[in-house]
C-alpha atoms as a PDB file:
ATOM      1  CA  MET A   1     -12.545  -2.930 -10.007  1.00  0.00           C
ATOM      2  CA  ALA A   2     -12.129  -4.587  -6.736  1.00  0.00           C
ATOM      3  CA  ARG A   3     -13.586  -7.998  -6.943  1.00  0.00           C
ATOM      4  CA  ARG A   4     -12.082 -11.296  -6.081  1.00  0.00           C
ATOM      5  CA  PRO A   5      -9.857 -12.382  -9.001  1.00  0.00           C
ATOM      6  CA  THR A   6      -9.819 -15.876 -10.513  1.00  0.00           C
ATOM      7  CA  ALA A   7      -6.802 -18.007  -9.696  1.00  0.00           C
ATOM      8  CA  GLY A   8      -3.415 -16.562 -11.279  1.00  0.00           C
ATOM      9  CA  ARG A   9      -5.080 -13.309 -12.052  1.00  0.00           C
ATOM     10  CA  VAL A  10      -4.089 -10.140 -10.281  1.00  0.00           C
ATOM     11  CA  THR A  11      -6.408  -7.454  -9.493  1.00  0.00           C
ATOM     12  CA  SER A  12      -5.551  -3.899  -8.591  1.00  0.00           C
ATOM     13  CA  ALA A  13      -7.479  -1.253  -6.983  1.00  0.00           C
ATOM     14  CA  LYS A  14      -7.122   2.496  -6.414  1.00  0.00           C
ATOM     15  CA  ILE A  15      -7.719   3.755  -2.753  1.00  0.00           C
ATOM     16  CA  VAL A  16      -7.721   7.399  -1.833  1.00  0.00           C
ATOM     17  CA  ILE A  17      -6.432   8.571   1.549  1.00  0.00           C
ATOM     18  CA  ALA A  18      -8.006  11.829   2.636  1.00  0.00           C
ATOM     19  CA  GLY A  19      -8.613  13.880   5.687  1.00  0.00           C
ATOM     20  CA  GLY A  20      -7.762  17.346   7.092  1.00  0.00           C
ATOM     21  CA  PHE A  21      -4.394  19.013   7.459  1.00  0.00           C
ATOM     22  CA  GLY A  22      -1.790  17.075   9.525  1.00  0.00           C
ATOM     23  CA  VAL A  23      -4.133  14.161  10.378  1.00  0.00           C
ATOM     24  CA  GLY A  24      -1.696  11.510   9.180  1.00  0.00           C
ATOM     25  CA  LYS A  25      -2.345  10.770   5.527  1.00  0.00           C
ATOM     26  CA  THR A  26       1.308  10.924   4.417  1.00  0.00           C
ATOM     27  CA  THR A  27       2.282   8.697   7.611  1.00  0.00           C
ATOM     28  CA  LEU A  28      -0.388   5.972   6.626  1.00  0.00           C
ATOM     29  CA  VAL A  29       0.840   5.811   3.116  1.00  0.00           C
ATOM     30  CA  GLY A  30       4.382   5.673   4.176  1.00  0.00           C
ATOM     31  CA  SER A  31       3.977   2.931   6.856  1.00  0.00           C
ATOM     32  CA  VAL A  32       1.975   0.562   4.688  1.00  0.00           C
ATOM     33  CA  SER A  33       3.550   0.962   1.240  1.00  0.00           C
ATOM     34  CA  GLU A  34       5.823  -1.849   0.138  1.00  0.00           C
ATOM     35  CA  ILE A  35       7.671   0.512  -2.247  1.00  0.00           C
ATOM     36  CA  THR A  36       9.228   3.787  -1.276  1.00  0.00           C
ATOM     37  CA  PRO A  37       6.152   6.198  -1.272  1.00  0.00           C
ATOM     38  CA  LEU A  38       6.113   9.010  -3.726  1.00  0.00           C
ATOM     39  CA  THR A  39       5.457  12.204  -1.566  1.00  0.00           C
ATOM     40  CA  THR A  40       5.164  15.821  -2.469  1.00  0.00           C
ATOM     41  CA  GLU A  41       6.104  17.182   0.789  1.00  0.00           C
ATOM     42  CA  ALA A  42       7.134  20.767   0.980  1.00  0.00           C
ATOM     43  CA  ILE A  43       8.612  22.937   3.850  1.00  0.00           C
ATOM     44  CA  MET A  44       6.058  24.996   5.347  1.00  0.00           C
ATOM     45  CA  THR A  45       6.814  28.901   4.600  1.00  0.00           C
ATOM     46  CA  SER A  46       5.455  32.005   5.900  1.00  0.00           C
ATOM     47  CA  ALA A  47       3.125  31.956   2.913  1.00  0.00           C
ATOM     48  CA  GLY A  48       1.011  29.411   4.780  1.00  0.00           C
ATOM     49  CA  VAL A  49       0.701  31.521   7.986  1.00  0.00           C
ATOM     50  CA  GLY A  50      -2.814  32.259   8.503  1.00  0.00           C
ATOM     51  CA  VAL A  51      -3.831  29.675   5.979  1.00  0.00           C
ATOM     52  CA  ASP A  52      -2.406  26.428   7.448  1.00  0.00           C
ATOM     53  CA  ASP A  53      -3.596  26.021  10.998  1.00  0.00           C
ATOM     54  CA  ASN A  54      -0.912  24.019  12.635  1.00  0.00           C
ATOM     55  CA  ARG A  55      -1.737  24.877  16.349  1.00  0.00           C
ATOM     56  CA  GLN A  56      -2.819  21.289  16.997  1.00  0.00           C
ATOM     57  CA  VAL A  57       0.276  19.802  15.242  1.00  0.00           C
ATOM     58  CA  PRO A  58       3.002  22.235  16.279  1.00  0.00           C
ATOM     59  CA  GLY A  59       5.865  20.065  15.220  1.00  0.00           C
ATOM     60  CA  LYS A  60       4.730  19.997  11.734  1.00  0.00           C
ATOM     61  CA  THR A  61       7.196  21.478   9.462  1.00  0.00           C
ATOM     62  CA  THR A  62       6.029  20.068   6.056  1.00  0.00           C
ATOM     63  CA  THR A  63       2.843  19.523   4.071  1.00  0.00           C
ATOM     64  CA  THR A  64       1.802  17.631   1.119  1.00  0.00           C
ATOM     65  CA  VAL A  65       1.308  19.870  -1.969  1.00  0.00           C
ATOM     66  CA  ALA A  66       0.109  17.564  -4.614  1.00  0.00           C
ATOM     67  CA  MET A  67      -0.407  13.897  -3.521  1.00  0.00           C
ATOM     68  CA  ASP A  68       1.287  10.841  -1.900  1.00  0.00           C
ATOM     69  CA  PHE A  69       1.495   7.558  -3.600  1.00  0.00           C
ATOM     70  CA  GLY A  70       2.093   4.100  -2.338  1.00  0.00           C
ATOM     71  CA  ARG A  71       1.294   0.425  -3.132  1.00  0.00           C
ATOM     72  CA  ILE A  72       0.688  -2.741  -1.176  1.00  0.00           C
ATOM     73  CA  SER A  73      -0.238  -6.173  -1.987  1.00  0.00           C
ATOM     74  CA  ILE A  74      -3.016  -7.457   0.216  1.00  0.00           C
ATOM     75  CA  ASP A  75      -2.468 -10.987  -0.987  1.00  0.00           C
ATOM     76  CA  ARG A  76      -0.870 -12.455  -4.164  1.00  0.00           C
ATOM     77  CA  ASP A  77      -3.954 -11.690  -6.079  1.00  0.00           C
ATOM     78  CA  LEU A  78      -4.962  -7.948  -4.733  1.00  0.00           C
ATOM     79  CA  ILE A  79      -2.707  -4.971  -5.038  1.00  0.00           C
ATOM     80  CA  LEU A  80      -3.880  -1.615  -3.785  1.00  0.00           C
ATOM     81  CA  TYR A  81      -2.606   1.624  -5.080  1.00  0.00           C
ATOM     82  CA  LEU A  82      -2.827   4.448  -2.472  1.00  0.00           C
ATOM     83  CA  PHE A  83      -3.249   8.135  -3.437  1.00  0.00           C
ATOM     84  CA  GLY A  84      -3.061  10.435  -0.555  1.00  0.00           C
ATOM     85  CA  THR A  85      -4.684  13.860  -0.878  1.00  0.00           C
ATOM     86  CA  PRO A  86      -3.422  17.246   0.329  1.00  0.00           C
ATOM     87  CA  GLY A  87      -5.226  18.385   3.436  1.00  0.00           C
ATOM     88  CA  GLN A  88      -5.548  21.994   2.855  1.00  0.00           C
ATOM     89  CA  THR A  89      -8.388  23.675   1.152  1.00  0.00           C
ATOM     90  CA  ARG A  90      -6.191  25.384  -1.355  1.00  0.00           C
ATOM     91  CA  PHE A  91      -5.254  22.144  -2.948  1.00  0.00           C
ATOM     92  CA  TRP A  92      -8.761  20.661  -3.128  1.00  0.00           C
ATOM     93  CA  PHE A  93      -8.752  21.511  -6.762  1.00  0.00           C
ATOM     94  CA  MET A  94      -6.929  18.224  -7.258  1.00  0.00           C
ATOM     95  CA  TRP A  95      -9.282  15.981  -5.570  1.00  0.00           C
ATOM     96  CA  ASP A  96     -11.577  15.316  -8.450  1.00  0.00           C
ATOM     97  CA  GLU A  97      -8.484  14.003 -10.552  1.00  0.00           C
ATOM     98  CA  LEU A  98      -7.174  12.014  -7.473  1.00  0.00           C
ATOM     99  CA  VAL A  99     -10.402  10.075  -6.998  1.00  0.00           C
ATOM    100  CA  ARG A 100     -11.118   9.281 -10.753  1.00  0.00           C
ATOM    101  CA  GLY A 101     -11.105   5.475 -10.794  1.00  0.00           C
ATOM    102  CA  ALA A 102     -11.060   4.834  -7.034  1.00  0.00           C
ATOM    103  CA  ILE A 103     -13.108   2.163  -5.444  1.00  0.00           C
ATOM    104  CA  GLY A 104     -13.195   3.861  -2.040  1.00  0.00           C
ATOM    105  CA  ALA A 105     -11.629   6.216   0.137  1.00  0.00           C
ATOM    106  CA  VAL A 106     -10.266   6.461   3.729  1.00  0.00           C
ATOM    107  CA  VAL A 107     -11.072   9.405   5.800  1.00  0.00           C
ATOM    108  CA  MET A 108      -8.516   9.975   8.282  1.00  0.00           C
ATOM    109  CA  VAL A 109      -9.816  11.710  11.534  1.00  0.00           C
ATOM    110  CA  ASP A 110      -8.069  13.351  14.457  1.00  0.00           C
ATOM    111  CA  THR A 111     -10.770  13.505  17.292  1.00  0.00           C
ATOM    112  CA  ARG A 112      -9.109  16.780  18.532  1.00  0.00           C
ATOM    113  CA  ARG A 113     -10.201  18.406  15.251  1.00  0.00           C
ATOM    114  CA  LEU A 114     -13.172  16.401  13.854  1.00  0.00           C
ATOM    115  CA  ALA A 115     -14.343  19.605  11.909  1.00  0.00           C
ATOM    116  CA  ASP A 116     -11.207  19.058   9.669  1.00  0.00           C
ATOM    117  CA  CYS A 117     -12.793  15.947   8.143  1.00  0.00           C
ATOM    118  CA  PHE A 118     -16.291  17.386   7.337  1.00  0.00           C
ATOM    119  CA  ALA A 119     -15.286  18.366   3.797  1.00  0.00           C
ATOM    120  CA  ALA A 120     -13.786  15.142   2.991  1.00  0.00           C
ATOM    121  CA  ILE A 121     -16.800  13.219   3.992  1.00  0.00           C
ATOM    122  CA  ASP A 122     -19.181  15.614   1.982  1.00  0.00           C
ATOM    123  CA  PHE A 123     -16.878  15.245  -1.041  1.00  0.00           C
ATOM    124  CA  PHE A 124     -16.999  11.473  -0.999  1.00  0.00           C
ATOM    125  CA  GLU A 125     -20.760  11.313   0.025  1.00  0.00           C
ATOM    126  CA  HIS A 126     -21.484  13.842  -2.888  1.00  0.00           C
ATOM    127  CA  ARG A 127     -19.672  11.658  -5.409  1.00  0.00           C
ATOM    128  CA  ARG A 128     -21.181   8.384  -3.859  1.00  0.00           C
ATOM    129  CA  LEU A 129     -17.713   6.989  -3.401  1.00  0.00           C
ATOM    130  CA  PRO A 130     -17.630   4.490  -0.521  1.00  0.00           C
ATOM    131  CA  TYR A 131     -15.466   5.504   2.315  1.00  0.00           C
ATOM    132  CA  LEU A 132     -14.696   4.574   5.962  1.00  0.00           C
ATOM    133  CA  VAL A 133     -13.672   6.594   8.702  1.00  0.00           C
ATOM    134  CA  ALA A 134     -10.299   5.832  10.329  1.00  0.00           C
ATOM    135  CA  ILE A 135      -9.629   7.286  13.780  1.00  0.00           C
ATOM    136  CA  ASN A 136      -5.905   7.916  14.077  1.00  0.00           C
ATOM    137  CA  CYS A 137      -4.776   7.365  17.614  1.00  0.00           C
ATOM    138  CA  PHE A 138      -2.164   9.865  18.073  1.00  0.00           C
ATOM    139  CA  ASP A 139       0.313   9.025  20.853  1.00  0.00           C
ATOM    140  CA  GLY A 140      -1.527   5.559  20.997  1.00  0.00           C
ATOM    141  CA  MET A 141      -4.479   7.117  22.562  1.00  0.00           C
ATOM    142  CA  GLN A 142      -8.107   6.925  21.311  1.00  0.00           C
ATOM    143  CA  TYR A 143     -10.014   9.700  23.070  1.00  0.00           C
ATOM    144  CA  HIS A 144     -13.429   8.847  21.659  1.00  0.00           C
ATOM    145  CA  ASN A 145     -15.162   5.498  20.731  1.00  0.00           C
ATOM    146  CA  ALA A 146     -16.296   4.786  17.306  1.00  0.00           C
ATOM    147  CA  GLN A 147     -20.018   5.384  17.920  1.00  0.00           C
ATOM    148  CA  ASP A 148     -19.224   8.920  19.555  1.00  0.00           C
ATOM    149  CA  VAL A 149     -17.149   9.682  16.395  1.00  0.00           C
ATOM    150  CA  ARG A 150     -20.015   8.308  14.123  1.00  0.00           C
ATOM    151  CA  ASP A 151     -22.517  10.520  15.969  1.00  0.00           C
ATOM    152  CA  ALA A 152     -20.369  13.613  15.909  1.00  0.00           C
ATOM    153  CA  LEU A 153     -19.873  13.344  12.290  1.00  0.00           C
ATOM    154  CA  ALA A 154     -23.584  12.500  11.568  1.00  0.00           C
ATOM    155  CA  ILE A 155     -22.598   9.644   9.116  1.00  0.00           C
ATOM    156  CA  SER A 156     -24.762   6.580   8.108  1.00  0.00           C
ATOM    157  CA  SER A 157     -24.721   3.542  10.406  1.00  0.00           C
ATOM    158  CA  ASP A 158     -23.373   1.342   7.570  1.00  0.00           C
ATOM    159  CA  VAL A 159     -20.200   3.495   7.137  1.00  0.00           C
ATOM    160  CA  PRO A 160     -17.421   1.727   8.933  1.00  0.00           C
ATOM    161  CA  VAL A 161     -15.577   3.571  11.724  1.00  0.00           C
ATOM    162  CA  VAL A 162     -12.293   1.975  12.738  1.00  0.00           C
ATOM    163  CA  SER A 163      -9.194   2.810  14.823  1.00  0.00           C
ATOM    164  CA  CYS A 164      -5.742   2.887  13.686  1.00  0.00           C
ATOM    165  CA  ASP A 165      -2.200   4.043  14.300  1.00  0.00           C
ATOM    166  CA  ALA A 166      -1.078   5.661  10.932  1.00  0.00           C
ATOM    167  CA  ARG A 167       2.426   4.763  11.975  1.00  0.00           C
ATOM    168  CA  ASN A 168       1.951   0.899  12.391  1.00  0.00           C
ATOM    169  CA  ARG A 169       1.920  -1.064   9.230  1.00  0.00           C
ATOM    170  CA  GLU A 170      -0.353  -3.828  10.562  1.00  0.00           C
ATOM    171  CA  SER A 171      -2.841  -1.229  11.677  1.00  0.00           C
ATOM    172  CA  THR A 172      -3.067   0.630   8.326  1.00  0.00           C
ATOM    173  CA  LYS A 173      -3.224  -2.505   6.468  1.00  0.00           C
ATOM    174  CA  ASN A 174      -6.198  -3.706   8.579  1.00  0.00           C
ATOM    175  CA  VAL A 175      -7.792  -0.292   7.580  1.00  0.00           C
ATOM    176  CA  LEU A 176      -7.237  -1.076   3.965  1.00  0.00           C
ATOM    177  CA  ILE A 177      -8.754  -4.463   4.219  1.00  0.00           C
ATOM    178  CA  SER A 178     -11.650  -3.075   5.936  1.00  0.00           C
ATOM    179  CA  LEU A 179     -12.374  -0.629   3.236  1.00  0.00           C
ATOM    180  CA  VAL A 180     -12.273  -3.351   0.634  1.00  0.00           C
ATOM    181  CA  GLU A 181     -14.446  -5.743   2.299  1.00  0.00           C
ATOM    182  CA  TYR A 182     -16.812  -2.716   2.851  1.00  0.00           C
ATOM    183  CA  VAL A 183     -16.713  -1.797  -0.786  1.00  0.00           C
ATOM    184  CA  LEU A 184     -17.250  -5.626  -1.906  1.00  0.00           C
ATOM    185  CA  THR A 185     -20.251  -5.883   0.458  1.00  0.00           C
ATOM    186  CA  MET A 186     -21.836  -2.747  -0.856  1.00  0.00           C
ATOM    187  CA  ARG A 187     -21.361  -3.863  -4.578  1.00  0.00           C
ATOM    188  CA  ARG A 188     -22.739  -7.366  -3.583  1.00  0.00           C
ATOM    189  CA  SER A 189     -25.800  -5.660  -2.147  1.00  0.00           C
ATOM    190  CA  ARG A 190     -26.309  -3.531  -4.984  1.00  0.00           C
ATOM    191  CA  ALA A 191     -26.254  -6.534  -7.335  1.00  0.00           C
ATOM    192  CA  VAL A 192     -28.849  -8.482  -5.715  1.00  0.00           C
ATOM    193  CA  ALA A 193     -31.144  -5.479  -4.887  1.00  0.00           C
ATOM    194  CA  PRO A 194     -34.575  -5.548  -6.559  1.00  0.00           C
ATOM    195  CA  ALA A 195     -34.604  -3.128  -9.414  1.00  0.00           C
END
Protein backbone atom coordinates (compact mmCIF):
# COMPACT_ATOMS: atom_id res chain seq x y z
CA MET A 1 0.00 0.00 0.00
CA ALA A 2 1.54 3.27 -1.05
CA ARG A 3 -0.62 6.00 0.34
CA ARG A 4 0.36 9.03 2.27
CA PRO A 5 0.56 8.00 5.90
CA THR A 6 -0.78 9.95 8.80
CA ALA A 7 1.70 11.76 11.02
CA GLY A 8 4.03 9.38 12.80
CA ARG A 9 2.98 6.35 10.78
CA VAL A 10 5.48 4.72 8.42
CA THR A 11 4.25 3.19 5.19
CA SER A 12 6.28 0.71 3.20
CA ALA A 13 5.85 -0.33 -0.41
CA LYS A 14 7.36 -2.95 -2.67
CA ILE A 15 8.80 -1.90 -6.04
CA VAL A 16 10.04 -4.29 -8.72
CA ILE A 17 13.01 -3.36 -10.93
CA ALA A 18 12.87 -5.27 -14.23
CA GLY A 19 14.26 -5.26 -17.73
CA GLY A 20 16.49 -7.20 -20.05
CA PHE A 21 19.85 -8.80 -19.45
CA GLY A 22 22.60 -6.33 -18.52
CA VAL A 23 20.38 -3.24 -18.53
CA GLY A 24 21.38 -1.91 -15.08
CA LYS A 25 18.89 -3.40 -12.61
CA THR A 26 21.49 -4.53 -10.08
CA THR A 27 23.33 -1.23 -10.50
CA LEU A 28 20.15 0.76 -9.83
CA VAL A 29 19.33 -1.18 -6.66
CA GLY A 30 22.91 -0.86 -5.45
CA SER A 31 23.20 2.85 -6.15
CA VAL A 32 20.08 3.87 -4.25
CA SER A 33 19.83 1.34 -1.42
CA GLU A 34 20.55 2.68 2.05
CA ILE A 35 21.44 -0.83 3.19
CA THR A 36 24.02 -3.09 1.65
CA PRO A 37 21.96 -4.65 -1.12
CA LEU A 38 21.41 -8.37 -1.22
CA THR A 39 22.46 -9.59 -4.65
CA THR A 40 22.54 -13.02 -6.19
CA GLU A 41 25.23 -12.34 -8.75
CA ALA A 42 26.96 -15.39 -10.16
CA ILE A 43 29.90 -15.59 -12.51
CA MET A 44 28.81 -16.22 -16.07
CA THR A 45 30.05 -19.60 -17.23
CA SER A 46 30.25 -21.51 -20.47
CA ALA A 47 26.76 -22.89 -19.68
CA GLY A 48 25.39 -19.45 -20.58
CA VAL A 49 27.07 -19.32 -24.00
CA GLY A 50 24.37 -19.16 -26.62
CA VAL A 51 21.77 -18.39 -23.93
CA ASP A 52 22.97 -15.07 -22.52
CA ASP A 53 23.72 -12.56 -25.25
CA ASN A 54 26.39 -10.28 -23.83
CA ARG A 55 27.60 -8.83 -27.14
CA GLN A 56 26.18 -5.40 -26.21
CA VAL A 57 27.65 -5.62 -22.69
CA PRO A 58 31.02 -7.25 -23.39
CA GLY A 59 32.54 -6.42 -19.98
CA LYS A 60 29.74 -8.18 -18.11
CA THR A 61 31.09 -11.19 -16.21
CA THR A 62 28.33 -11.76 -13.65
CA THR A 63 24.58 -12.11 -13.80
CA THR A 64 21.66 -12.08 -11.37
CA VAL A 65 20.35 -15.60 -10.83
CA ALA A 66 17.52 -14.95 -8.35
CA MET A 67 16.97 -11.33 -7.31
CA ASP A 68 18.45 -8.16 -5.92
CA PHE A 69 17.05 -6.57 -2.78
CA GLY A 70 17.50 -3.08 -1.39
CA ARG A 71 15.73 -0.49 0.71
CA ILE A 72 15.40 3.27 0.60
CA SER A 73 13.56 5.72 2.84
CA ILE A 74 12.03 8.34 0.57
CA ASP A 75 11.16 10.45 3.58
CA ARG A 76 10.59 9.68 7.26
CA ASP A 77 7.14 8.26 6.46
CA LEU A 78 7.76 6.19 3.31
CA ILE A 79 10.12 3.23 2.88
CA LEU A 80 10.50 1.46 -0.45
CA TYR A 81 11.65 -2.14 -0.69
CA LEU A 82 13.28 -2.82 -4.04
CA PHE A 83 13.26 -6.22 -5.72
CA GLY A 84 15.36 -6.55 -8.85
CA THR A 85 14.46 -9.35 -11.24
CA PRO A 86 16.87 -11.51 -13.20
CA GLY A 87 16.95 -10.44 -16.84
CA GLN A 88 17.32 -13.76 -18.65
CA THR A 89 14.27 -15.65 -19.85
CA ARG A 90 15.36 -18.85 -18.10
CA PHE A 91 14.75 -17.14 -14.74
CA TRP A 92 11.33 -15.66 -15.55
CA PHE A 93 9.56 -18.39 -13.58
CA MET A 94 10.47 -16.35 -10.46
CA TRP A 95 8.80 -13.14 -11.63
CA ASP A 96 5.29 -14.03 -10.40
CA GLU A 97 6.64 -14.44 -6.87
CA LEU A 98 8.79 -11.32 -7.04
CA VAL A 99 5.89 -9.09 -8.10
CA ARG A 100 3.42 -10.40 -5.52
CA GLY A 101 2.42 -7.43 -3.34
CA ALA A 102 4.26 -4.84 -5.44
CA ILE A 103 2.63 -1.46 -6.01
CA GLY A 104 4.50 -0.91 -9.26
CA ALA A 105 7.56 -1.60 -11.37
CA VAL A 106 10.43 0.18 -13.06
CA VAL A 107 11.26 -1.24 -16.49
CA MET A 108 14.89 -0.42 -17.21
CA VAL A 109 15.66 0.19 -20.88
CA ASP A 110 18.88 0.24 -22.86
CA THR A 111 17.95 2.00 -26.11
CA ARG A 112 20.64 0.03 -27.95
CA ARG A 113 18.57 -3.10 -27.16
CA LEU A 114 14.94 -1.97 -26.85
CA ALA A 115 13.54 -5.38 -27.74
CA ASP A 116 15.03 -6.77 -24.51
CA CYS A 117 12.40 -4.94 -22.45
CA PHE A 118 9.30 -5.96 -24.43
CA ALA A 119 8.71 -9.07 -22.31
CA ALA A 120 8.86 -7.07 -19.06
CA ILE A 121 6.38 -4.51 -20.37
CA ASP A 122 4.04 -7.27 -21.55
CA PHE A 123 4.35 -8.99 -18.17
CA PHE A 124 3.32 -5.90 -16.20
CA GLU A 125 0.59 -4.85 -18.62
CA HIS A 126 -0.92 -8.36 -18.53
CA ARG A 127 -0.99 -8.20 -14.71
CA ARG A 128 -2.19 -4.59 -14.70
CA LEU A 129 0.71 -3.60 -12.47
CA PRO A 130 1.57 0.09 -12.91
CA TYR A 131 5.04 0.62 -14.32
CA LEU A 132 7.25 3.32 -15.73
CA VAL A 133 10.03 3.07 -18.25
CA ALA A 134 13.47 4.28 -17.15
CA ILE A 135 15.93 4.92 -19.97
CA ASN A 136 19.35 4.06 -18.57
CA CYS A 137 21.80 6.58 -19.99
CA PHE A 138 24.90 4.43 -20.40
CA ASP A 139 28.11 6.47 -20.57
CA GLY A 140 26.05 9.54 -19.59
CA MET A 141 24.47 9.66 -23.05
CA GLN A 142 20.79 9.54 -23.96
CA TYR A 143 20.61 8.49 -27.59
CA HIS A 144 16.84 8.75 -28.01
CA ASN A 145 14.30 11.08 -26.45
CA ALA A 146 11.42 9.86 -24.28
CA GLN A 147 8.78 10.23 -27.00
CA ASP A 148 10.82 8.21 -29.49
CA VAL A 149 11.21 5.45 -26.89
CA ARG A 150 7.48 5.57 -26.07
CA ASP A 151 6.64 5.23 -29.76
CA ALA A 152 9.10 2.37 -30.28
CA LEU A 153 7.68 0.50 -27.28
CA ALA A 154 4.08 1.26 -28.31
CA ILE A 155 3.09 2.07 -24.72
CA SER A 156 0.23 4.22 -23.51
CA SER A 157 0.75 7.95 -23.29
CA ASP A 158 0.02 7.87 -19.55
CA VAL A 159 2.96 5.56 -18.77
CA PRO A 160 5.85 7.73 -17.59
CA VAL A 161 9.11 7.50 -19.55
CA VAL A 162 12.04 9.00 -17.66
CA SER A 163 15.80 9.11 -18.07
CA CYS A 164 18.25 7.98 -15.45
CA ASP A 165 21.81 7.02 -14.74
CA ALA A 166 21.56 3.76 -12.79
CA ARG A 167 24.93 4.53 -11.15
CA ASN A 168 23.72 7.80 -9.64
CA ARG A 169 21.78 7.74 -6.36
CA GLU A 170 19.83 10.97 -6.94
CA SER A 171 18.93 9.96 -10.47
CA THR A 172 17.60 6.56 -9.40
CA LYS A 173 15.84 8.03 -6.37
CA ASN A 174 13.99 10.39 -8.73
CA VAL A 175 12.90 7.40 -10.83
CA LEU A 176 11.43 5.74 -7.74
CA ILE A 177 9.67 8.93 -6.66
CA SER A 178 8.21 9.28 -10.17
CA LEU A 179 6.87 5.73 -9.97
CA VAL A 180 5.27 6.27 -6.54
CA GLU A 181 3.67 9.53 -7.75
CA TYR A 182 2.34 7.74 -10.85
CA VAL A 183 0.88 4.89 -8.76
CA LEU A 184 -0.79 7.37 -6.39
CA THR A 185 -2.23 9.34 -9.32
CA MET A 186 -3.62 6.15 -10.87
CA ARG A 187 -5.18 5.06 -7.59
CA ARG A 188 -6.77 8.47 -7.04
CA SER A 189 -8.22 8.51 -10.55
CA ARG A 190 -9.68 5.01 -10.08
CA ALA A 191 -11.19 6.05 -6.75
CA VAL A 192 -13.07 8.99 -8.28
CA ALA A 193 -14.03 7.30 -11.55
CA PRO A 194 -17.76 6.76 -11.95
CA ALA A 195 -18.90 3.19 -11.40
